Amino acid sequence: MFWGLVPVERVAALMYYEPHSEMAQVVYEMKYGGRPDIGEDMGRLMACEMGLGGFFDGIDVLLPVPLSRKRMRQRGYNQSERLAQGVSDVTGISVDRRAMVRRHFVQSQTALNRQERQENVSDMFWLRHPQPLEGKHVLLVDDVCTTGATLTACAQALQVVPGVRISILTLGFTQY
């Protein structure tokens, strides 16, 4: 999915996301049900499972995919940040909540096709504080990867940081 678009070292998802499944309900509650605790629990689960194979070896910092201010006001929390916090609880890797910012919210990705998703997030992310990421191995953390457009846009924003290495971890992956 990311091959030839952005240089990533590792990419993994804990589960295959199937719409209308029990896990889809968990994700829905985490994102829209006012349940940030589910994100932290799922993050701890991801860390325990993925840590067994050494996935976190060499990772310096966790970087959750940021939400726009509008979405933060609506939800009251960033589900990707909650996932990252759960991972941090188990691994001890710090979460950087300030380095990357989402410029604004255009529209939800859920009803868009692959090309529309890429256009929707093109140049959407920028680095407010890139210096602490210099020479670091950054793990981008998100909830569900569908086309990879959001994570690709985040990784592209990170490429301006000297010496940065990028890996990706999501709770779920689904084929579009």
N, C-alpha and C. Protein backbone atom coordinates (compact mmCIF):
# COMPACT_ATOMS: atom_id res chain seq x y z
N MET A 1 0.81 -1.20 0.00
CA MET A 1 0.00 0.00 0.00
C MET A 1 0.86 1.27 0.00
N PHE A 2 1.98 1.24 0.70
CA PHE A 2 2.83 2.42 0.80
C PHE A 2 4.04 2.35 -0.13
N TRP A 3 4.23 1.19 -0.76
CA TRP A 3 5.38 0.94 -1.61
C TRP A 3 5.47 2.00 -2.70
N GLY A 4 6.62 2.66 -2.80
CA GLY A 4 6.85 3.66 -3.83
C GLY A 4 6.26 5.02 -3.53
N LEU A 5 5.47 5.14 -2.46
CA LEU A 5 4.86 6.43 -2.11
C LEU A 5 5.65 7.15 -1.03
N VAL A 6 5.98 6.43 0.01
CA VAL A 6 6.75 6.97 1.13
C VAL A 6 7.65 5.86 1.67
N PRO A 7 8.84 6.22 2.13
CA PRO A 7 9.72 5.19 2.68
C PRO A 7 9.31 4.84 4.11
N VAL A 8 8.85 3.63 4.30
CA VAL A 8 8.49 3.16 5.64
C VAL A 8 9.29 1.90 5.94
N GLU A 9 9.66 1.76 7.20
CA GLU A 9 10.44 0.59 7.61
C GLU A 9 9.56 -0.59 8.00
N ARG A 10 8.52 -0.32 8.76
CA ARG A 10 7.61 -1.37 9.23
C ARG A 10 6.19 -0.86 9.14
N VAL A 11 5.29 -1.77 8.79
CA VAL A 11 3.86 -1.44 8.77
C VAL A 11 3.11 -2.65 9.30
N ALA A 12 2.19 -2.41 10.23
CA ALA A 12 1.41 -3.52 10.76
C ALA A 12 0.05 -3.03 11.24
N ALA A 13 -0.89 -3.95 11.24
CA ALA A 13 -2.22 -3.72 11.82
C ALA A 13 -2.51 -4.90 12.73
N LEU A 14 -3.19 -4.63 13.83
CA LEU A 14 -3.51 -5.71 14.76
C LEU A 14 -4.54 -6.67 14.17
N MET A 15 -5.51 -6.12 13.43
CA MET A 15 -6.61 -6.97 12.96
C MET A 15 -7.07 -6.54 11.57
N TYR A 16 -7.77 -7.46 10.94
CA TYR A 16 -8.47 -7.13 9.70
C TYR A 16 -9.81 -6.54 10.11
N TYR A 17 -10.09 -5.36 9.61
CA TYR A 17 -11.32 -4.66 9.97
C TYR A 17 -12.41 -5.04 8.98
N GLU A 18 -13.44 -5.66 9.47
CA GLU A 18 -14.58 -6.06 8.66
C GLU A 18 -15.78 -5.23 9.09
N PRO A 19 -16.35 -4.43 8.18
CA PRO A 19 -17.52 -3.62 8.55
C PRO A 19 -18.63 -4.51 9.14
N HIS A 20 -19.30 -3.98 10.13
CA HIS A 20 -20.45 -4.63 10.79
C HIS A 20 -20.05 -5.83 11.66
N SER A 21 -18.75 -6.03 11.90
CA SER A 21 -18.31 -7.11 12.78
C SER A 21 -18.30 -6.61 14.22
N GLU A 22 -17.99 -7.51 15.14
CA GLU A 22 -17.88 -7.11 16.55
C GLU A 22 -16.75 -6.10 16.73
N MET A 23 -15.63 -6.31 16.04
CA MET A 23 -14.53 -5.36 16.15
C MET A 23 -14.88 -4.02 15.53
N ALA A 24 -15.70 -4.03 14.50
CA ALA A 24 -16.15 -2.76 13.91
C ALA A 24 -16.95 -1.97 14.94
N GLN A 25 -17.73 -2.67 15.74
CA GLN A 25 -18.50 -2.02 16.80
C GLN A 25 -17.57 -1.43 17.86
N VAL A 26 -16.50 -2.13 18.17
CA VAL A 26 -15.50 -1.62 19.12
C VAL A 26 -14.90 -0.32 18.59
N VAL A 27 -14.51 -0.32 17.31
CA VAL A 27 -13.93 0.88 16.70
C VAL A 27 -14.95 2.01 16.69
N TYR A 28 -16.19 1.70 16.35
CA TYR A 28 -17.23 2.71 16.31
C TYR A 28 -17.43 3.33 17.70
N GLU A 29 -17.48 2.53 18.74
CA GLU A 29 -17.64 3.05 20.10
C GLU A 29 -16.44 3.91 20.50
N MET A 30 -15.24 3.47 20.09
CA MET A 30 -14.03 4.22 20.42
C MET A 30 -14.07 5.59 19.74
N LYS A 31 -14.48 5.65 18.47
CA LYS A 31 -14.45 6.90 17.72
C LYS A 31 -15.65 7.80 17.99
N TYR A 32 -16.82 7.23 18.03
CA TYR A 32 -18.04 8.04 18.07
C TYR A 32 -18.87 7.87 19.33
N GLY A 33 -18.52 6.90 20.17
CA GLY A 33 -19.33 6.60 21.35
C GLY A 33 -18.86 7.24 22.63
N GLY A 34 -17.89 8.16 22.54
CA GLY A 34 -17.41 8.81 23.75
C GLY A 34 -16.64 7.87 24.66
N ARG A 35 -15.91 6.92 24.08
CA ARG A 35 -15.20 5.92 24.88
C ARG A 35 -13.70 5.93 24.61
N PRO A 36 -12.99 6.97 25.07
CA PRO A 36 -11.54 6.99 24.88
C PRO A 36 -10.83 5.84 25.58
N ASP A 37 -11.46 5.29 26.64
CA ASP A 37 -10.87 4.17 27.36
C ASP A 37 -10.70 2.95 26.46
N ILE A 38 -11.59 2.78 25.50
CA ILE A 38 -11.47 1.65 24.56
C ILE A 38 -10.19 1.81 23.74
N GLY A 39 -9.88 3.05 23.34
CA GLY A 39 -8.66 3.30 22.58
C GLY A 39 -7.42 2.91 23.38
N GLU A 40 -7.39 3.27 24.64
CA GLU A 40 -6.24 2.93 25.46
C GLU A 40 -6.13 1.41 25.66
N ASP A 41 -7.28 0.76 25.87
CA ASP A 41 -7.27 -0.70 26.01
C ASP A 41 -6.78 -1.37 24.73
N MET A 42 -7.27 -0.90 23.58
CA MET A 42 -6.85 -1.47 22.30
C MET A 42 -5.37 -1.18 22.03
N GLY A 43 -4.90 -0.02 22.45
CA GLY A 43 -3.48 0.30 22.30
C GLY A 43 -2.61 -0.63 23.13
N ARG A 44 -3.04 -0.91 24.36
CA ARG A 44 -2.28 -1.85 25.19
C ARG A 44 -2.28 -3.25 24.57
N LEU A 45 -3.41 -3.65 24.01
CA LEU A 45 -3.50 -4.94 23.33
C LEU A 45 -2.56 -4.98 22.13
N MET A 46 -2.55 -3.90 21.33
CA MET A 46 -1.64 -3.83 20.18
C MET A 46 -0.20 -3.97 20.64
N ALA A 47 0.16 -3.26 21.70
CA ALA A 47 1.54 -3.29 22.19
C ALA A 47 1.93 -4.68 22.66
N CYS A 48 1.05 -5.34 23.38
CA CYS A 48 1.35 -6.68 23.87
C CYS A 48 1.52 -7.67 22.71
N GLU A 49 0.60 -7.63 21.78
CA GLU A 49 0.66 -8.56 20.64
C GLU A 49 1.83 -8.28 19.71
N MET A 50 2.00 -7.03 19.32
CA MET A 50 3.04 -6.67 18.35
C MET A 50 4.43 -6.68 18.99
N GLY A 51 4.48 -6.46 20.28
CA GLY A 51 5.76 -6.47 20.98
C GLY A 51 6.41 -7.84 21.02
N LEU A 52 5.59 -8.88 20.95
CA LEU A 52 6.12 -10.25 20.99
C LEU A 52 7.11 -10.51 19.85
N GLY A 53 6.87 -9.90 18.72
CA GLY A 53 7.74 -10.10 17.56
C GLY A 53 8.80 -9.02 17.41
N GLY A 54 8.95 -8.15 18.40
CA GLY A 54 9.97 -7.11 18.35
C GLY A 54 9.60 -5.90 17.50
N PHE A 55 8.31 -5.71 17.24
CA PHE A 55 7.87 -4.62 16.37
C PHE A 55 8.34 -3.26 16.86
N PHE A 56 8.43 -3.06 18.16
CA PHE A 56 8.75 -1.75 18.72
C PHE A 56 10.25 -1.52 18.93
N ASP A 57 11.07 -2.52 18.59
CA ASP A 57 12.52 -2.38 18.75
C ASP A 57 13.02 -1.20 17.92
N GLY A 58 13.72 -0.28 18.56
CA GLY A 58 14.29 0.86 17.86
C GLY A 58 13.35 2.02 17.63
N ILE A 59 12.09 1.90 18.01
CA ILE A 59 11.14 3.01 17.86
C ILE A 59 11.45 4.03 18.95
N ASP A 60 11.59 5.30 18.55
CA ASP A 60 11.93 6.36 19.51
C ASP A 60 10.72 7.13 20.01
N VAL A 61 9.71 7.29 19.17
CA VAL A 61 8.57 8.14 19.54
C VAL A 61 7.31 7.68 18.81
N LEU A 62 6.19 7.79 19.50
CA LEU A 62 4.89 7.48 18.92
C LEU A 62 4.24 8.78 18.48
N LEU A 63 3.73 8.80 17.26
CA LEU A 63 3.11 10.00 16.72
C LEU A 63 1.70 9.67 16.24
N PRO A 64 0.69 10.01 17.05
CA PRO A 64 -0.69 9.73 16.63
C PRO A 64 -1.10 10.64 15.48
N VAL A 65 -1.91 10.12 14.58
CA VAL A 65 -2.44 10.94 13.49
C VAL A 65 -3.34 11.99 14.12
N PRO A 66 -3.06 13.27 13.86
CA PRO A 66 -3.83 14.32 14.52
C PRO A 66 -5.22 14.51 13.92
N LEU A 67 -6.12 14.98 14.76
CA LEU A 67 -7.46 15.38 14.34
C LEU A 67 -7.46 16.89 14.12
N SER A 68 -8.42 17.35 13.36
CA SER A 68 -8.61 18.79 13.23
C SER A 68 -9.21 19.32 14.54
N ARG A 69 -9.11 20.63 14.73
CA ARG A 69 -9.71 21.22 15.94
C ARG A 69 -11.21 20.98 15.99
N LYS A 70 -11.85 21.03 14.82
CA LYS A 70 -13.31 20.80 14.77
C LYS A 70 -13.65 19.40 15.27
N ARG A 71 -12.92 18.39 14.77
CA ARG A 71 -13.18 17.01 15.22
C ARG A 71 -12.86 16.84 16.71
N MET A 72 -11.80 17.48 17.16
CA MET A 72 -11.45 17.39 18.59
C MET A 72 -12.57 17.97 19.45
N ARG A 73 -13.13 19.09 19.03
CA ARG A 73 -14.24 19.68 19.78
C ARG A 73 -15.45 18.75 19.78
N GLN A 74 -15.74 18.12 18.64
CA GLN A 74 -16.89 17.22 18.54
C GLN A 74 -16.72 15.99 19.42
N ARG A 75 -15.55 15.36 19.36
CA ARG A 75 -15.32 14.10 20.09
C ARG A 75 -14.82 14.30 21.50
N GLY A 76 -14.05 15.34 21.70
CA GLY A 76 -13.46 15.57 23.01
C GLY A 76 -12.13 14.86 23.20
N TYR A 77 -11.71 14.06 22.24
CA TYR A 77 -10.45 13.33 22.31
C TYR A 77 -10.10 12.84 20.90
N ASN A 78 -8.83 12.49 20.74
CA ASN A 78 -8.34 11.93 19.48
C ASN A 78 -8.17 10.43 19.70
N GLN A 79 -8.92 9.62 18.98
CA GLN A 79 -8.86 8.16 19.17
C GLN A 79 -7.46 7.61 18.85
N SER A 80 -6.76 8.19 17.88
CA SER A 80 -5.40 7.73 17.56
C SER A 80 -4.43 8.05 18.71
N GLU A 81 -4.66 9.18 19.34
CA GLU A 81 -3.85 9.54 20.51
C GLU A 81 -4.10 8.57 21.66
N ARG A 82 -5.34 8.17 21.84
CA ARG A 82 -5.66 7.21 22.90
C ARG A 82 -5.01 5.86 22.61
N LEU A 83 -5.02 5.43 21.33
CA LEU A 83 -4.33 4.19 20.96
C LEU A 83 -2.84 4.30 21.26
N ALA A 84 -2.24 5.42 20.87
CA ALA A 84 -0.81 5.63 21.12
C ALA A 84 -0.51 5.62 22.61
N GLN A 85 -1.39 6.21 23.42
CA GLN A 85 -1.17 6.21 24.86
C GLN A 85 -1.18 4.80 25.42
N GLY A 86 -2.10 3.97 24.92
CA GLY A 86 -2.12 2.56 25.35
C GLY A 86 -0.85 1.83 24.98
N VAL A 87 -0.35 2.09 23.77
CA VAL A 87 0.93 1.48 23.35
C VAL A 87 2.04 1.96 24.28
N SER A 88 2.05 3.25 24.57
CA SER A 88 3.07 3.82 25.45
C SER A 88 3.02 3.22 26.85
N ASP A 89 1.83 2.97 27.35
CA ASP A 89 1.68 2.38 28.69
C ASP A 89 2.44 1.06 28.80
N VAL A 90 2.45 0.28 27.72
CA VAL A 90 3.10 -1.03 27.73
C VAL A 90 4.57 -0.94 27.37
N THR A 91 4.90 -0.11 26.36
CA THR A 91 6.26 -0.09 25.82
C THR A 91 7.17 0.93 26.49
N GLY A 92 6.58 1.97 27.10
CA GLY A 92 7.38 3.04 27.66
C GLY A 92 7.86 4.06 26.64
N ILE A 93 7.46 3.90 25.37
CA ILE A 93 7.84 4.85 24.32
C ILE A 93 6.96 6.09 24.46
N SER A 94 7.57 7.26 24.39
CA SER A 94 6.80 8.50 24.60
C SER A 94 5.90 8.81 23.40
N VAL A 95 4.82 9.52 23.69
CA VAL A 95 3.86 9.97 22.69
C VAL A 95 4.09 11.46 22.46
N ASP A 96 4.29 11.84 21.20
CA ASP A 96 4.44 13.25 20.86
C ASP A 96 3.12 13.74 20.29
N ARG A 97 2.41 14.54 21.08
CA ARG A 97 1.09 15.05 20.69
C ARG A 97 1.17 16.41 20.02
N ARG A 98 2.37 17.00 19.96
CA ARG A 98 2.49 18.38 19.51
C ARG A 98 3.20 18.56 18.17
N ALA A 99 3.97 17.57 17.74
CA ALA A 99 4.83 17.76 16.56
C ALA A 99 4.03 17.98 15.29
N MET A 100 2.98 17.19 15.08
CA MET A 100 2.22 17.25 13.83
C MET A 100 0.83 17.82 14.07
N VAL A 101 0.37 18.62 13.11
CA VAL A 101 -0.94 19.26 13.20
C VAL A 101 -1.72 19.00 11.91
N ARG A 102 -3.00 18.80 12.07
CA ARG A 102 -3.88 18.71 10.91
C ARG A 102 -4.40 20.11 10.64
N ARG A 103 -4.23 20.58 9.43
CA ARG A 103 -4.59 21.96 9.08
C ARG A 103 -6.06 22.25 9.31
N HIS A 104 -6.93 21.47 8.75
CA HIS A 104 -8.37 21.66 8.93
C HIS A 104 -9.09 20.40 8.49
N PHE A 105 -10.36 20.35 8.77
CA PHE A 105 -11.19 19.21 8.41
C PHE A 105 -11.99 19.59 7.18
N VAL A 106 -11.83 18.83 6.11
CA VAL A 106 -12.60 19.10 4.89
C VAL A 106 -13.88 18.27 4.93
N GLN A 107 -13.72 16.94 4.93
CA GLN A 107 -14.87 16.05 5.03
C GLN A 107 -14.39 14.68 5.46
N SER A 108 -15.31 13.88 5.95
CA SER A 108 -14.98 12.53 6.39
C SER A 108 -14.50 11.70 5.20
N GLN A 109 -13.58 10.78 5.48
CA GLN A 109 -13.04 9.91 4.44
C GLN A 109 -13.98 8.75 4.13
N THR A 110 -14.93 8.48 5.01
CA THR A 110 -15.69 7.23 4.94
C THR A 110 -16.43 7.01 3.63
N ALA A 111 -16.96 8.04 3.00
CA ALA A 111 -17.75 7.87 1.79
C ALA A 111 -16.96 8.17 0.51
N LEU A 112 -15.66 8.38 0.62
CA LEU A 112 -14.85 8.77 -0.53
C LEU A 112 -14.15 7.58 -1.16
N ASN A 113 -13.93 7.66 -2.48
CA ASN A 113 -13.15 6.62 -3.14
C ASN A 113 -11.67 6.89 -2.92
N ARG A 114 -10.82 6.00 -3.43
CA ARG A 114 -9.38 6.08 -3.19
C ARG A 114 -8.80 7.43 -3.62
N GLN A 115 -9.10 7.87 -4.83
CA GLN A 115 -8.54 9.14 -5.32
C GLN A 115 -9.07 10.32 -4.51
N GLU A 116 -10.36 10.31 -4.20
CA GLU A 116 -10.94 11.40 -3.40
C GLU A 116 -10.32 11.45 -2.00
N ARG A 117 -10.01 10.30 -1.43
CA ARG A 117 -9.38 10.25 -0.12
C ARG A 117 -8.00 10.90 -0.17
N GLN A 118 -7.24 10.58 -1.23
CA GLN A 118 -5.91 11.17 -1.36
C GLN A 118 -5.99 12.68 -1.52
N GLU A 119 -6.92 13.15 -2.33
CA GLU A 119 -7.09 14.59 -2.52
C GLU A 119 -7.56 15.27 -1.24
N ASN A 120 -8.40 14.59 -0.48
CA ASN A 120 -8.96 15.14 0.75
C ASN A 120 -7.89 15.41 1.81
N VAL A 121 -6.82 14.62 1.80
CA VAL A 121 -5.77 14.80 2.82
C VAL A 121 -4.46 15.34 2.25
N SER A 122 -4.44 15.65 0.97
CA SER A 122 -3.22 16.19 0.37
C SER A 122 -2.81 17.49 1.05
N ASP A 123 -1.57 17.57 1.50
CA ASP A 123 -1.03 18.74 2.20
C ASP A 123 -1.86 19.12 3.43
N MET A 124 -2.50 18.14 4.04
CA MET A 124 -3.36 18.39 5.19
C MET A 124 -2.57 18.47 6.50
N PHE A 125 -1.39 17.85 6.54
CA PHE A 125 -0.63 17.77 7.78
C PHE A 125 0.65 18.59 7.67
N TRP A 126 1.04 19.23 8.76
CA TRP A 126 2.31 19.96 8.79
C TRP A 126 2.93 19.78 10.16
N LEU A 127 4.24 19.96 10.18
CA LEU A 127 4.99 19.78 11.42
C LEU A 127 5.18 21.11 12.11
N ARG A 128 4.64 21.21 13.28
CA ARG A 128 4.77 22.41 14.10
C ARG A 128 6.10 22.40 14.85
N HIS A 129 6.50 21.23 15.30
CA HIS A 129 7.74 21.07 16.07
C HIS A 129 8.55 19.90 15.50
N PRO A 130 9.24 20.10 14.37
CA PRO A 130 9.99 18.99 13.76
C PRO A 130 11.32 18.66 14.44
N GLN A 131 11.93 19.63 15.12
CA GLN A 131 13.28 19.41 15.66
C GLN A 131 13.40 18.19 16.57
N PRO A 132 12.46 17.96 17.48
CA PRO A 132 12.61 16.77 18.35
C PRO A 132 12.55 15.44 17.60
N LEU A 133 12.11 15.46 16.34
CA LEU A 133 12.00 14.23 15.56
C LEU A 133 13.25 13.94 14.72
N GLU A 134 14.17 14.88 14.68
CA GLU A 134 15.38 14.71 13.86
C GLU A 134 16.16 13.47 14.29
N GLY A 135 16.46 12.62 13.30
CA GLY A 135 17.24 11.41 13.56
C GLY A 135 16.49 10.33 14.31
N LYS A 136 15.19 10.49 14.49
CA LYS A 136 14.39 9.54 15.28
C LYS A 136 13.66 8.54 14.37
N HIS A 137 13.32 7.41 14.97
CA HIS A 137 12.45 6.42 14.32
C HIS A 137 11.04 6.67 14.88
N VAL A 138 10.18 7.20 14.03
CA VAL A 138 8.83 7.62 14.41
C VAL A 138 7.83 6.53 14.03
N LEU A 139 6.94 6.20 14.96
CA LEU A 139 5.86 5.26 14.68
C LEU A 139 4.56 6.03 14.59
N LEU A 140 4.00 6.13 13.38
CA LEU A 140 2.68 6.75 13.19
C LEU A 140 1.63 5.77 13.68
N VAL A 141 0.66 6.25 14.46
CA VAL A 141 -0.38 5.40 15.03
C VAL A 141 -1.74 5.94 14.59
N ASP A 142 -2.58 5.04 14.06
CA ASP A 142 -3.92 5.41 13.62
C ASP A 142 -4.88 4.28 13.92
N ASP A 143 -6.18 4.56 13.75
CA ASP A 143 -7.18 3.55 14.08
C ASP A 143 -7.36 2.52 12.96
N VAL A 144 -7.84 2.94 11.79
CA VAL A 144 -8.08 2.01 10.70
C VAL A 144 -7.45 2.54 9.42
N CYS A 145 -6.74 1.68 8.72
CA CYS A 145 -6.14 2.02 7.43
C CYS A 145 -7.01 1.41 6.34
N THR A 146 -7.52 2.26 5.47
CA THR A 146 -8.35 1.78 4.37
C THR A 146 -7.60 1.88 3.05
N THR A 147 -7.29 3.08 2.62
CA THR A 147 -6.51 3.26 1.39
C THR A 147 -5.08 3.67 1.69
N GLY A 148 -4.82 4.07 2.92
CA GLY A 148 -3.50 4.56 3.31
C GLY A 148 -3.28 6.03 3.01
N ALA A 149 -4.31 6.73 2.52
CA ALA A 149 -4.16 8.13 2.13
C ALA A 149 -3.75 9.01 3.31
N THR A 150 -4.40 8.86 4.44
CA THR A 150 -4.09 9.70 5.60
C THR A 150 -2.67 9.43 6.09
N LEU A 151 -2.31 8.17 6.24
CA LEU A 151 -0.98 7.83 6.73
C LEU A 151 0.10 8.22 5.73
N THR A 152 -0.19 8.12 4.44
CA THR A 152 0.76 8.56 3.43
C THR A 152 0.98 10.06 3.54
N ALA A 153 -0.09 10.82 3.72
CA ALA A 153 0.03 12.28 3.87
C ALA A 153 0.85 12.64 5.11
N CYS A 154 0.64 11.92 6.20
CA CYS A 154 1.44 12.15 7.42
C CYS A 154 2.91 11.83 7.17
N ALA A 155 3.17 10.70 6.54
CA ALA A 155 4.55 10.30 6.26
C ALA A 155 5.23 11.30 5.32
N GLN A 156 4.50 11.81 4.35
CA GLN A 156 5.07 12.82 3.45
C GLN A 156 5.45 14.08 4.21
N ALA A 157 4.62 14.48 5.17
CA ALA A 157 4.94 15.65 5.99
C ALA A 157 6.20 15.40 6.81
N LEU A 158 6.40 14.17 7.26
CA LEU A 158 7.56 13.84 8.08
C LEU A 158 8.86 13.78 7.29
N GLN A 159 8.78 13.60 6.00
CA GLN A 159 9.98 13.42 5.19
C GLN A 159 10.90 14.64 5.18
N VAL A 160 10.42 15.79 5.60
CA VAL A 160 11.27 16.99 5.63
C VAL A 160 12.21 16.98 6.84
N VAL A 161 11.98 16.08 7.78
CA VAL A 161 12.79 16.01 9.00
C VAL A 161 14.09 15.26 8.71
N PRO A 162 15.23 15.89 8.94
CA PRO A 162 16.51 15.21 8.68
C PRO A 162 16.66 13.92 9.49
N GLY A 163 17.00 12.85 8.78
CA GLY A 163 17.30 11.58 9.44
C GLY A 163 16.12 10.83 10.01
N VAL A 164 14.90 11.27 9.73
CA VAL A 164 13.73 10.58 10.30
C VAL A 164 13.53 9.23 9.60
N ARG A 165 13.11 8.25 10.39
CA ARG A 165 12.69 6.95 9.87
C ARG A 165 11.26 6.76 10.29
N ILE A 166 10.45 6.16 9.44
CA ILE A 166 9.01 6.10 9.67
C ILE A 166 8.52 4.65 9.64
N SER A 167 7.70 4.31 10.62
CA SER A 167 6.96 3.06 10.64
C SER A 167 5.51 3.39 10.95
N ILE A 168 4.63 2.42 10.72
CA ILE A 168 3.18 2.65 10.86
C ILE A 168 2.55 1.49 11.62
N LEU A 169 1.65 1.83 12.54
CA LEU A 169 0.86 0.82 13.26
C LEU A 169 -0.58 1.29 13.33
N THR A 170 -1.50 0.41 12.95
CA THR A 170 -2.92 0.72 13.05
C THR A 170 -3.63 -0.40 13.79
N LEU A 171 -4.74 -0.06 14.37
CA LEU A 171 -5.57 -1.07 15.02
C LEU A 171 -6.14 -2.01 13.97
N GLY A 172 -6.67 -1.43 12.89
CA GLY A 172 -7.29 -2.26 11.86
C GLY A 172 -6.83 -1.91 10.46
N PHE A 173 -6.98 -2.87 9.58
CA PHE A 173 -6.73 -2.69 8.15
C PHE A 173 -7.92 -3.27 7.42
N THR A 174 -8.37 -2.59 6.40
CA THR A 174 -9.44 -3.10 5.58
C THR A 174 -9.14 -2.81 4.13
N GLN A 175 -9.63 -3.67 3.27
CA GLN A 175 -9.47 -3.43 1.83
C GLN A 175 -10.62 -2.56 1.37
N TYR A 176 -10.29 -1.61 0.55
CA TYR A 176 -11.31 -0.67 0.08
C TYR A 176 -12.08 -1.27 -1.06
